[in-house]
Amino acid sequence: MSKLRQMEVFIAVVESGSFADAAHQVGMSAVMVGRHIQSLEKTLNTKLIQRTTRRQSITGEGRLFYQEAKLAMEQIKYAFSRVEASSLDPSGLLRITAPMTLGVNLVGPLVTEFMQRYPAVQVELILSNEVLDLYEAAFDLAFRISELIEVNLVSRPLPPYRMVICAAPCYLAKAEEPKAPEDLHEHRILTHTSWNNRFAWPLKNGNSEVPWPERAVLRSNDGQVLLQAAIAGEGILMQPDFLVSAALASGELVRIMDAFAPPPKPVQLVYPRSKNTLPKLKAFVDFITERLGTDEPARS
């Protein structure tokens, strides 16, 4: 195991407060996080973190090592950024985070296309519906479905996240098409598990909001799973337009209840202001803007 990677994992554990949260930040399993910590403690011949079944705490030696490791990692990142910024050609590791459905169906294919254009750039793409701190988790940029952006980040608005309500013709042939949100309670519903308070998508009915039915025949954290179920005629689906566009174009799905679809949510491409001069970052931002378009200037 790389000592630098062990230090990075240890810092994430200290700052997040748990192995599970640290695992999300560094893009590995909680079990692997534990192995990195054990290996680091063995190398240093000292206990850095005390763990019980209920809580974990950092030891005095762990606190000291955290402070020194944090300084060392910041210096290493600064050294890399200085060298990368001095090069005119985009190169090096680009760390990106994005929400799950947006990441799988939109960001992922664009990353592949970007890498084909810039073969000297390596990409680490971490998908999570959690809003990760770009500074603490050492990400270069993130895709955010939100209007609220931290003041220390530069943002570029992208095309909004639009939801479409749809179903397969074979489903609608045997179930009367719903005419209003209240009718959905009489239908088979397909639902994404990430729809919570922050990712809620209430339907609009005049001046009122109607929640998407909680009762569902299928719940999944993967939009593709829900899409395939809808195409098979298993129920009514609400997912973003970029996920269902091909199925709508082929006739496998048809749009319904357009008048009641939720208002679109803004999508932002955000990155730390301190990394604005990195060629790899600038190349990726320009590429995404070229491919997706934006009607507004960058904001900070």
C-alpha atoms as a PDB file:
ATOM      1  CA  MET A   1       0.000   0.000   0.000  1.00  0.00           C
ATOM      2  CA  SER A   2       1.228   3.496  -0.864  1.00  0.00           C
ATOM      3  CA  LYS A   3       2.184   5.519   2.217  1.00  0.00           C
ATOM      4  CA  LEU A   4       0.726   8.646   0.580  1.00  0.00           C
ATOM      5  CA  ARG A   5      -2.570   6.830   0.015  1.00  0.00           C
ATOM      6  CA  GLN A   6      -2.551   5.650   3.639  1.00  0.00           C
ATOM      7  CA  MET A   7      -2.060   9.247   4.776  1.00  0.00           C
ATOM      8  CA  GLU A   8      -4.894  10.412   2.520  1.00  0.00           C
ATOM      9  CA  VAL A   9      -7.218   7.739   3.915  1.00  0.00           C
ATOM     10  CA  PHE A  10      -6.238   8.532   7.516  1.00  0.00           C
ATOM     11  CA  ILE A  11      -6.928  12.236   7.000  1.00  0.00           C
ATOM     12  CA  ALA A  12     -10.341  11.395   5.541  1.00  0.00           C
ATOM     13  CA  VAL A  13     -11.177   9.180   8.550  1.00  0.00           C
ATOM     14  CA  VAL A  14     -10.231  11.905  11.029  1.00  0.00           C
ATOM     15  CA  GLU A  15     -12.114  14.648   9.222  1.00  0.00           C
ATOM     16  CA  SER A  16     -15.244  12.640   8.437  1.00  0.00           C
ATOM     17  CA  GLY A  17     -15.455  10.914  11.816  1.00  0.00           C
ATOM     18  CA  SER A  18     -16.123   7.405  10.520  1.00  0.00           C
ATOM     19  CA  PHE A  19     -14.705   4.731   8.266  1.00  0.00           C
ATOM     20  CA  ALA A  20     -17.936   4.603   6.246  1.00  0.00           C
ATOM     21  CA  ASP A  21     -17.973   8.346   5.505  1.00  0.00           C
ATOM     22  CA  ALA A  22     -14.259   8.295   4.726  1.00  0.00           C
ATOM     23  CA  ALA A  23     -14.865   5.444   2.280  1.00  0.00           C
ATOM     24  CA  HIS A  24     -17.226   7.667   0.271  1.00  0.00           C
ATOM     25  CA  GLN A  25     -14.647  10.456   0.176  1.00  0.00           C
ATOM     26  CA  VAL A  26     -11.712   8.375  -1.014  1.00  0.00           C
ATOM     27  CA  GLY A  27     -13.676   6.059  -3.290  1.00  0.00           C
ATOM     28  CA  MET A  28     -13.116   2.680  -1.625  1.00  0.00           C
ATOM     29  CA  SER A  29     -14.960   0.305   0.693  1.00  0.00           C
ATOM     30  CA  ALA A  30     -15.043   0.786   4.465  1.00  0.00           C
ATOM     31  CA  VAL A  31     -13.224  -2.546   4.823  1.00  0.00           C
ATOM     32  CA  MET A  32     -10.379  -1.286   2.649  1.00  0.00           C
ATOM     33  CA  VAL A  33     -10.254   1.935   4.661  1.00  0.00           C
ATOM     34  CA  GLY A  34      -9.765  -0.176   7.788  1.00  0.00           C
ATOM     35  CA  ARG A  35      -6.932  -2.091   6.137  1.00  0.00           C
ATOM     36  CA  HIS A  36      -5.150   1.124   5.208  1.00  0.00           C
ATOM     37  CA  ILE A  37      -5.422   2.383   8.789  1.00  0.00           C
ATOM     38  CA  GLN A  38      -4.166  -0.933  10.200  1.00  0.00           C
ATOM     39  CA  SER A  39      -1.218  -0.928   7.804  1.00  0.00           C
ATOM     40  CA  LEU A  40      -0.372   2.655   8.722  1.00  0.00           C
ATOM     41  CA  GLU A  41      -0.514   1.888  12.448  1.00  0.00           C
ATOM     42  CA  LYS A  42       1.730  -1.129  11.899  1.00  0.00           C
ATOM     43  CA  THR A  43       4.242   0.997   9.999  1.00  0.00           C
ATOM     44  CA  LEU A  44       4.275   3.658  12.737  1.00  0.00           C
ATOM     45  CA  ASN A  45       4.088   1.054  15.524  1.00  0.00           C
ATOM     46  CA  THR A  46       1.450   3.078  17.352  1.00  0.00           C
ATOM     47  CA  LYS A  47      -2.314   3.263  17.714  1.00  0.00           C
ATOM     48  CA  LEU A  48      -3.803   6.179  15.796  1.00  0.00           C
ATOM     49  CA  ILE A  49      -7.536   5.522  16.175  1.00  0.00           C
ATOM     50  CA  GLN A  50      -9.392   3.795  19.006  1.00  0.00           C
ATOM     51  CA  ARG A  51     -12.536   1.986  17.851  1.00  0.00           C
ATOM     52  CA  THR A  52     -15.382   0.413  19.819  1.00  0.00           C
ATOM     53  CA  THR A  53     -18.741  -0.952  18.696  1.00  0.00           C
ATOM     54  CA  ARG A  54     -20.324   2.463  19.380  1.00  0.00           C
ATOM     55  CA  ARG A  55     -17.723   5.113  18.592  1.00  0.00           C
ATOM     56  CA  GLN A  56     -14.231   5.899  17.419  1.00  0.00           C
ATOM     57  CA  SER A  57     -11.756   8.470  18.705  1.00  0.00           C
ATOM     58  CA  ILE A  58      -8.343   9.679  17.641  1.00  0.00           C
ATOM     59  CA  THR A  59      -5.407   9.088  20.004  1.00  0.00           C
ATOM     60  CA  GLY A  60      -2.864  11.737  20.978  1.00  0.00           C
ATOM     61  CA  GLU A  61      -0.356  10.225  18.582  1.00  0.00           C
ATOM     62  CA  GLY A  62      -3.067  10.142  15.927  1.00  0.00           C
ATOM     63  CA  ARG A  63      -3.815  13.843  16.428  1.00  0.00           C
ATOM     64  CA  LEU A  64      -0.133  14.700  16.052  1.00  0.00           C
ATOM     65  CA  PHE A  65       0.242  12.553  12.951  1.00  0.00           C
ATOM     66  CA  TYR A  66      -2.931  14.066  11.452  1.00  0.00           C
ATOM     67  CA  GLN A  67      -1.565  17.598  11.787  1.00  0.00           C
ATOM     68  CA  GLU A  68       1.748  16.699  10.156  1.00  0.00           C
ATOM     69  CA  ALA A  69       0.117  14.530   7.470  1.00  0.00           C
ATOM     70  CA  LYS A  70      -2.322  17.301   6.606  1.00  0.00           C
ATOM     71  CA  LEU A  71       0.523  19.763   6.085  1.00  0.00           C
ATOM     72  CA  ALA A  72       2.468  17.232   4.031  1.00  0.00           C
ATOM     73  CA  MET A  73      -0.487  16.425   1.761  1.00  0.00           C
ATOM     74  CA  GLU A  74      -1.210  20.115   1.193  1.00  0.00           C
ATOM     75  CA  GLN A  75       2.412  20.661   0.192  1.00  0.00           C
ATOM     76  CA  ILE A  76       2.303  17.702  -2.176  1.00  0.00           C
ATOM     77  CA  LYS A  77      -0.899  18.966  -3.808  1.00  0.00           C
ATOM     78  CA  TYR A  78       0.644  22.430  -4.150  1.00  0.00           C
ATOM     79  CA  ALA A  79       3.754  20.977  -5.788  1.00  0.00           C
ATOM     80  CA  PHE A  80       1.691  19.003  -8.282  1.00  0.00           C
ATOM     81  CA  SER A  81      -0.535  21.977  -9.090  1.00  0.00           C
ATOM     82  CA  ARG A  82       2.471  24.249  -9.677  1.00  0.00           C
ATOM     83  CA  VAL A  83       4.036  21.803 -12.125  1.00  0.00           C
ATOM     84  CA  GLU A  84       0.717  21.026 -13.846  1.00  0.00           C
ATOM     85  CA  ALA A  85      -0.069  24.729 -14.217  1.00  0.00           C
ATOM     86  CA  SER A  86       3.296  25.338 -15.853  1.00  0.00           C
ATOM     87  CA  SER A  87       2.501  22.856 -18.614  1.00  0.00           C
ATOM     88  CA  LEU A  88       0.478  24.031 -21.600  1.00  0.00           C
ATOM     89  CA  ASP A  89      -0.835  20.541 -22.360  1.00  0.00           C
ATOM     90  CA  PRO A  90      -3.613  19.056 -20.166  1.00  0.00           C
ATOM     91  CA  SER A  91      -2.215  16.128 -18.189  1.00  0.00           C
ATOM     92  CA  GLY A  92      -2.331  14.439 -14.797  1.00  0.00           C
ATOM     93  CA  LEU A  93      -5.154  13.109 -12.606  1.00  0.00           C
ATOM     94  CA  LEU A  94      -8.533  14.858 -12.706  1.00  0.00           C
ATOM     95  CA  ARG A  95     -10.819  13.933  -9.792  1.00  0.00           C
ATOM     96  CA  ILE A  96     -14.537  14.467 -10.431  1.00  0.00           C
ATOM     97  CA  THR A  97     -17.659  13.812  -8.376  1.00  0.00           C
ATOM     98  CA  ALA A  98     -21.262  13.757  -9.608  1.00  0.00           C
ATOM     99  CA  PRO A  99     -24.716  12.528  -8.502  1.00  0.00           C
ATOM    100  CA  MET A 100     -25.467   8.908  -9.373  1.00  0.00           C
ATOM    101  CA  THR A 101     -28.014   9.118 -12.213  1.00  0.00           C
ATOM    102  CA  LEU A 102     -26.449  12.220 -13.764  1.00  0.00           C
ATOM    103  CA  GLY A 103     -23.017  10.605 -13.454  1.00  0.00           C
ATOM    104  CA  VAL A 104     -23.900   7.240 -14.995  1.00  0.00           C
ATOM    105  CA  ASN A 105     -25.981   8.511 -17.889  1.00  0.00           C
ATOM    106  CA  LEU A 106     -24.477  11.881 -18.771  1.00  0.00           C
ATOM    107  CA  VAL A 107     -21.138  12.569 -17.093  1.00  0.00           C
ATOM    108  CA  GLY A 108     -19.680   9.086 -17.619  1.00  0.00           C
ATOM    109  CA  PRO A 109     -20.015   9.062 -21.430  1.00  0.00           C
ATOM    110  CA  LEU A 110     -18.674  12.633 -21.593  1.00  0.00           C
ATOM    111  CA  VAL A 111     -15.644  11.665 -19.492  1.00  0.00           C
ATOM    112  CA  THR A 112     -14.862   8.850 -21.921  1.00  0.00           C
ATOM    113  CA  GLU A 113     -15.089  11.253 -24.854  1.00  0.00           C
ATOM    114  CA  PHE A 114     -12.880  13.770 -23.020  1.00  0.00           C
ATOM    115  CA  MET A 115     -10.213  11.146 -22.346  1.00  0.00           C
ATOM    116  CA  GLN A 116     -10.143  10.229 -26.020  1.00  0.00           C
ATOM    117  CA  ARG A 117      -9.448  13.870 -26.844  1.00  0.00           C
ATOM    118  CA  TYR A 118      -6.861  14.308 -24.058  1.00  0.00           C
ATOM    119  CA  PRO A 119      -5.087  10.946 -23.571  1.00  0.00           C
ATOM    120  CA  ALA A 120      -2.527  12.436 -21.141  1.00  0.00           C
ATOM    121  CA  VAL A 121      -5.311  13.108 -18.579  1.00  0.00           C
ATOM    122  CA  GLN A 122      -6.373  10.355 -16.167  1.00  0.00           C
ATOM    123  CA  VAL A 123      -9.818  10.661 -14.578  1.00  0.00           C
ATOM    124  CA  GLU A 124     -11.182   9.431 -11.264  1.00  0.00           C
ATOM    125  CA  LEU A 125     -14.978   9.722 -11.281  1.00  0.00           C
ATOM    126  CA  ILE A 126     -16.744   9.198  -7.942  1.00  0.00           C
ATOM    127  CA  LEU A 127     -20.551   9.013  -8.047  1.00  0.00           C
ATOM    128  CA  SER A 128     -22.447   9.913  -4.901  1.00  0.00           C
ATOM    129  CA  ASN A 129     -25.709  11.669  -4.087  1.00  0.00           C
ATOM    130  CA  GLU A 130     -23.972  13.226  -1.084  1.00  0.00           C
ATOM    131  CA  VAL A 131     -22.598  16.749  -1.501  1.00  0.00           C
ATOM    132  CA  LEU A 132     -18.885  16.163  -0.952  1.00  0.00           C
ATOM    133  CA  ASP A 133     -16.515  18.917   0.156  1.00  0.00           C
ATOM    134  CA  LEU A 134     -14.182  19.476  -2.798  1.00  0.00           C
ATOM    135  CA  TYR A 135     -11.374  20.800  -0.605  1.00  0.00           C
ATOM    136  CA  GLU A 136     -11.462  18.131   2.089  1.00  0.00           C
ATOM    137  CA  ALA A 137     -11.923  15.258  -0.381  1.00  0.00           C
ATOM    138  CA  ALA A 138      -9.381  16.716  -2.854  1.00  0.00           C
ATOM    139  CA  PHE A 139     -11.720  16.801  -5.853  1.00  0.00           C
ATOM    140  CA  ASP A 140     -10.941  19.037  -8.805  1.00  0.00           C
ATOM    141  CA  LEU A 141     -14.560  19.648  -9.748  1.00  0.00           C
ATOM    142  CA  ALA A 142     -18.115  18.492  -9.204  1.00  0.00           C
ATOM    143  CA  PHE A 143     -21.477  18.399 -10.922  1.00  0.00           C
ATOM    144  CA  ARG A 144     -24.187  19.723  -8.575  1.00  0.00           C
ATOM    145  CA  ILE A 145     -27.971  19.721  -8.931  1.00  0.00           C
ATOM    146  CA  SER A 146     -28.524  22.836  -6.864  1.00  0.00           C
ATOM    147  CA  GLU A 147     -28.895  26.606  -6.914  1.00  0.00           C
ATOM    148  CA  LEU A 148     -26.811  26.958  -3.748  1.00  0.00           C
ATOM    149  CA  ILE A 149     -23.063  26.970  -4.368  1.00  0.00           C
ATOM    150  CA  GLU A 150     -20.345  27.567  -1.763  1.00  0.00           C
ATOM    151  CA  VAL A 151     -18.747  31.012  -1.957  1.00  0.00           C
ATOM    152  CA  ASN A 152     -15.243  29.559  -2.354  1.00  0.00           C
ATOM    153  CA  LEU A 153     -16.182  27.740  -5.557  1.00  0.00           C
ATOM    154  CA  VAL A 154     -16.404  28.906  -9.157  1.00  0.00           C
ATOM    155  CA  SER A 155     -19.563  27.694 -10.918  1.00  0.00           C
ATOM    156  CA  ARG A 156     -20.673  27.293 -14.510  1.00  0.00           C
ATOM    157  CA  PRO A 157     -24.386  26.728 -15.060  1.00  0.00           C
ATOM    158  CA  LEU A 158     -25.275  23.804 -17.318  1.00  0.00           C
ATOM    159  CA  PRO A 159     -28.595  22.816 -18.938  1.00  0.00           C
ATOM    160  CA  PRO A 160     -31.164  22.197 -16.186  1.00  0.00           C
ATOM    161  CA  TYR A 161     -32.223  18.803 -14.848  1.00  0.00           C
ATOM    162  CA  ARG A 162     -35.680  18.196 -16.345  1.00  0.00           C
ATOM    163  CA  MET A 163     -37.931  15.367 -15.242  1.00  0.00           C
ATOM    164  CA  VAL A 164     -40.229  13.448 -17.596  1.00  0.00           C
ATOM    165  CA  ILE A 165     -43.193  11.295 -16.566  1.00  0.00           C
ATOM    166  CA  CYS A 166     -43.652   8.359 -18.919  1.00  0.00           C
ATOM    167  CA  ALA A 167     -44.817   4.784 -19.353  1.00  0.00           C
ATOM    168  CA  ALA A 168     -44.716   2.023 -21.944  1.00  0.00           C
ATOM    169  CA  PRO A 169     -47.565   1.819 -24.475  1.00  0.00           C
ATOM    170  CA  CYS A 170     -48.238  -1.759 -23.340  1.00  0.00           C
ATOM    171  CA  TYR A 171     -48.773  -0.532 -19.766  1.00  0.00           C
ATOM    172  CA  LEU A 172     -51.118   2.263 -20.845  1.00  0.00           C
ATOM    173  CA  ALA A 173     -53.072  -0.208 -22.999  1.00  0.00           C
ATOM    174  CA  LYS A 174     -54.153  -2.126 -19.904  1.00  0.00           C
ATOM    175  CA  ALA A 175     -54.263   0.743 -17.367  1.00  0.00           C
ATOM    176  CA  GLU A 176     -56.150   3.978 -17.937  1.00  0.00           C
ATOM    177  CA  GLU A 177     -53.724   6.865 -18.470  1.00  0.00           C
ATOM    178  CA  PRO A 178     -53.587   9.141 -15.383  1.00  0.00           C
ATOM    179  CA  LYS A 179     -54.872  12.660 -15.997  1.00  0.00           C
ATOM    180  CA  ALA A 180     -53.766  14.291 -12.721  1.00  0.00           C
ATOM    181  CA  PRO A 181     -51.218  13.586  -9.953  1.00  0.00           C
ATOM    182  CA  GLU A 182     -53.933  12.243  -7.663  1.00  0.00           C
ATOM    183  CA  ASP A 183     -54.616   9.460 -10.191  1.00  0.00           C
ATOM    184  CA  LEU A 184     -51.123   8.010  -9.717  1.00  0.00           C
ATOM    185  CA  HIS A 185     -52.159   6.305  -6.486  1.00  0.00           C
ATOM    186  CA  GLU A 186     -54.201   3.870  -8.588  1.00  0.00           C
ATOM    187  CA  HIS A 187     -51.172   2.878 -10.705  1.00  0.00           C
ATOM    188  CA  ARG A 188     -48.010   0.808 -10.473  1.00  0.00           C
ATOM    189  CA  ILE A 189     -45.218   3.237  -9.604  1.00  0.00           C
ATOM    190  CA  LEU A 190     -41.444   3.035 -10.149  1.00  0.00           C
ATOM    191  CA  THR A 191     -39.386   5.153  -7.721  1.00  0.00           C
ATOM    192  CA  HIS A 192     -35.757   6.128  -7.184  1.00  0.00           C
ATOM    193  CA  THR A 193     -34.536   5.577  -3.621  1.00  0.00           C
ATOM    194  CA  SER A 194     -32.592   8.866  -3.524  1.00  0.00           C
ATOM    195  CA  TRP A 195     -35.793  10.908  -3.558  1.00  0.00           C
ATOM    196  CA  ASN A 196     -35.599  12.361  -0.070  1.00  0.00           C
ATOM    197  CA  ASN A 197     -35.938  15.890   1.290  1.00  0.00           C
ATOM    198  CA  ARG A 198     -33.025  17.256  -0.740  1.00  0.00           C
ATOM    199  CA  PHE A 199     -33.790  15.347  -3.929  1.00  0.00           C
ATOM    200  CA  ALA A 200     -37.584  15.449  -3.705  1.00  0.00           C
ATOM    201  CA  TRP A 201     -39.478  15.918  -6.984  1.00  0.00           C
ATOM    202  CA  PRO A 202     -43.051  16.991  -6.131  1.00  0.00           C
ATOM    203  CA  LEU A 203     -45.487  17.320  -9.026  1.00  0.00           C
ATOM    204  CA  LYS A 204     -47.125  20.681  -9.640  1.00  0.00           C
ATOM    205  CA  ASN A 205     -50.897  21.029  -9.806  1.00  0.00           C
ATOM    206  CA  GLY A 206     -51.754  24.692 -10.166  1.00  0.00           C
ATOM    207  CA  ASN A 207     -50.365  26.421  -7.082  1.00  0.00           C
ATOM    208  CA  SER A 208     -50.145  23.156  -5.155  1.00  0.00           C
ATOM    209  CA  GLU A 209     -47.415  20.549  -4.916  1.00  0.00           C
ATOM    210  CA  VAL A 210     -48.298  16.864  -4.941  1.00  0.00           C
ATOM    211  CA  PRO A 211     -45.640  14.388  -3.779  1.00  0.00           C
ATOM    212  CA  TRP A 212     -44.715  11.442  -5.972  1.00  0.00           C
ATOM    213  CA  PRO A 213     -46.494   8.391  -4.472  1.00  0.00           C
ATOM    214  CA  GLU A 214     -44.470   6.657  -1.761  1.00  0.00           C
ATOM    215  CA  ARG A 215     -46.029   3.290  -2.519  1.00  0.00           C
ATOM    216  CA  ALA A 216     -44.090   1.714  -5.378  1.00  0.00           C
ATOM    217  CA  VAL A 217     -43.872  -1.713  -6.997  1.00  0.00           C
ATOM    218  CA  LEU A 218     -40.155  -1.132  -7.604  1.00  0.00           C
ATOM    219  CA  ARG A 219     -37.675   1.086  -5.782  1.00  0.00           C
ATOM    220  CA  SER A 220     -34.035   1.267  -6.893  1.00  0.00           C
ATOM    221  CA  ASN A 221     -30.991   3.506  -6.566  1.00  0.00           C
ATOM    222  CA  ASP A 222     -30.202   2.925 -10.258  1.00  0.00           C
ATOM    223  CA  GLY A 223     -32.115   4.833 -12.919  1.00  0.00           C
ATOM    224  CA  GLN A 224     -31.281   2.235 -15.569  1.00  0.00           C
ATOM    225  CA  VAL A 225     -33.012  -0.475 -13.516  1.00  0.00           C
ATOM    226  CA  LEU A 226     -36.137   1.680 -13.320  1.00  0.00           C
ATOM    227  CA  LEU A 227     -35.931   2.507 -17.028  1.00  0.00           C
ATOM    228  CA  GLN A 228     -35.821  -1.144 -18.066  1.00  0.00           C
ATOM    229  CA  ALA A 229     -38.757  -1.938 -15.801  1.00  0.00           C
ATOM    230  CA  ALA A 230     -40.773   0.886 -17.372  1.00  0.00           C
ATOM    231  CA  ILE A 231     -39.952  -0.294 -20.904  1.00  0.00           C
ATOM    232  CA  ALA A 232     -41.136  -3.782 -19.888  1.00  0.00           C
ATOM    233  CA  GLY A 233     -44.492  -2.283 -18.916  1.00  0.00           C
ATOM    234  CA  GLU A 234     -44.094  -2.626 -15.158  1.00  0.00           C
ATOM    235  CA  GLY A 235     -45.334   0.844 -14.234  1.00  0.00           C
ATOM    236  CA  ILE A 236     -45.128   4.618 -14.484  1.00  0.00           C
ATOM    237  CA  LEU A 237     -41.703   6.226 -14.357  1.00  0.00           C
ATOM    238  CA  MET A 238     -40.418   9.722 -13.616  1.00  0.00           C
ATOM    239  CA  GLN A 239     -36.764  10.223 -14.554  1.00  0.00           C
ATOM    240  CA  PRO A 240     -34.577  12.928 -16.154  1.00  0.00           C
ATOM    241  CA  ASP A 241     -34.981  13.602 -19.866  1.00  0.00           C
ATOM    242  CA  PHE A 242     -31.435  12.509 -20.749  1.00  0.00           C
ATOM    243  CA  LEU A 243     -32.124   9.045 -19.292  1.00  0.00           C
ATOM    244  CA  VAL A 244     -35.385   8.386 -21.128  1.00  0.00           C
ATOM    245  CA  SER A 245     -34.821  10.336 -24.385  1.00  0.00           C
ATOM    246  CA  ALA A 246     -33.758   7.297 -26.436  1.00  0.00           C
ATOM    247  CA  ALA A 247     -36.718   5.201 -25.248  1.00  0.00           C
ATOM    248  CA  LEU A 248     -39.103   8.070 -26.023  1.00  0.00           C
ATOM    249  CA  ALA A 249     -37.617   8.506 -29.497  1.00  0.00           C
ATOM    250  CA  SER A 250     -37.971   4.777 -30.248  1.00  0.00           C
ATOM    251  CA  GLY A 251     -41.547   4.642 -28.970  1.00  0.00           C
ATOM    252  CA  GLU A 252     -40.696   2.221 -26.160  1.00  0.00           C
ATOM    253  CA  LEU A 253     -41.987   4.872 -23.754  1.00  0.00           C
ATOM    254  CA  VAL A 254     -44.465   7.736 -24.194  1.00  0.00           C
ATOM    255  CA  ARG A 255     -44.683  10.985 -22.249  1.00  0.00           C
ATOM    256  CA  ILE A 256     -47.684  11.529 -20.004  1.00  0.00           C
ATOM    257  CA  MET A 257     -48.802  14.288 -17.616  1.00  0.00           C
ATOM    258  CA  ASP A 258     -46.368  16.884 -19.007  1.00  0.00           C
ATOM    259  CA  ALA A 259     -48.411  19.692 -17.462  1.00  0.00           C
ATOM    260  CA  PHE A 260     -47.756  18.284 -13.978  1.00  0.00           C
ATOM    261  CA  ALA A 261     -44.020  17.535 -14.295  1.00  0.00           C
ATOM    262  CA  PRO A 262     -41.819  19.096 -11.593  1.00  0.00           C
ATOM    263  CA  PRO A 263     -40.062  22.381 -12.411  1.00  0.00           C
ATOM    264  CA  PRO A 264     -36.495  21.783 -13.668  1.00  0.00           C
ATOM    265  CA  LYS A 265     -33.612  22.120 -11.218  1.00  0.00           C
ATOM    266  CA  PRO A 266     -30.370  23.955 -12.036  1.00  0.00           C
ATOM    267  CA  VAL A 267     -27.197  21.967 -12.716  1.00  0.00           C
ATOM    268  CA  GLN A 268     -23.831  23.525 -11.893  1.00  0.00           C
ATOM    269  CA  LEU A 269     -20.267  22.565 -12.746  1.00  0.00           C
ATOM    270  CA  VAL A 270     -18.219  23.796  -9.782  1.00  0.00           C
ATOM    271  CA  TYR A 271     -14.524  23.825  -8.924  1.00  0.00           C
ATOM    272  CA  PRO A 272     -12.171  25.467  -6.392  1.00  0.00           C
ATOM    273  CA  ARG A 273     -11.033  28.934  -7.410  1.00  0.00           C
ATOM    274  CA  SER A 274      -7.445  27.959  -6.547  1.00  0.00           C
ATOM    275  CA  LYS A 275      -7.417  25.363  -9.364  1.00  0.00           C
ATOM    276  CA  ASN A 276      -8.726  27.688 -12.043  1.00  0.00           C
ATOM    277  CA  THR A 277      -5.388  27.817 -13.916  1.00  0.00           C
ATOM    278  CA  LEU A 278      -4.796  24.067 -14.200  1.00  0.00           C
ATOM    279  CA  PRO A 279      -4.768  23.086 -17.902  1.00  0.00           C
ATOM    280  CA  LYS A 280      -6.507  19.744 -17.221  1.00  0.00           C
ATOM    281  CA  LEU A 281      -9.346  21.515 -15.380  1.00  0.00           C
ATOM    282  CA  LYS A 282      -9.703  24.300 -17.927  1.00  0.00           C
ATOM    283  CA  ALA A 283      -9.741  21.749 -20.750  1.00  0.00           C
ATOM    284  CA  PHE A 284     -12.497  19.730 -19.063  1.00  0.00           C
ATOM    285  CA  VAL A 285     -14.638  22.777 -18.252  1.00  0.00           C
ATOM    286  CA  ASP A 286     -14.303  24.044 -21.824  1.00  0.00           C
ATOM    287  CA  PHE A 287     -15.122  20.576 -23.162  1.00  0.00           C
ATOM    288  CA  ILE A 288     -18.284  20.234 -21.042  1.00  0.00           C
ATOM    289  CA  THR A 289     -19.389  23.748 -22.011  1.00  0.00           C
ATOM    290  CA  GLU A 290     -18.813  22.902 -25.671  1.00  0.00           C
ATOM    291  CA  ARG A 291     -20.765  19.625 -25.461  1.00  0.00           C
ATOM    292  CA  LEU A 292     -23.631  20.710 -23.202  1.00  0.00           C
ATOM    293  CA  GLY A 293     -23.692  24.464 -23.676  1.00  0.00           C
ATOM    294  CA  THR A 294     -24.416  27.216 -21.161  1.00  0.00           C
ATOM    295  CA  ASP A 295     -26.250  30.515 -21.467  1.00  0.00           C
ATOM    296  CA  GLU A 296     -24.565  32.237 -18.554  1.00  0.00           C
ATOM    297  CA  PRO A 297     -20.997  33.269 -17.647  1.00  0.00           C
ATOM    298  CA  ALA A 298     -19.016  31.597 -14.891  1.00  0.00           C
ATOM    299  CA  ARG A 299     -19.854  32.711 -11.355  1.00  0.00           C
ATOM    300  CA  SER A 300     -17.720  32.713  -8.228  1.00  0.00           C
END
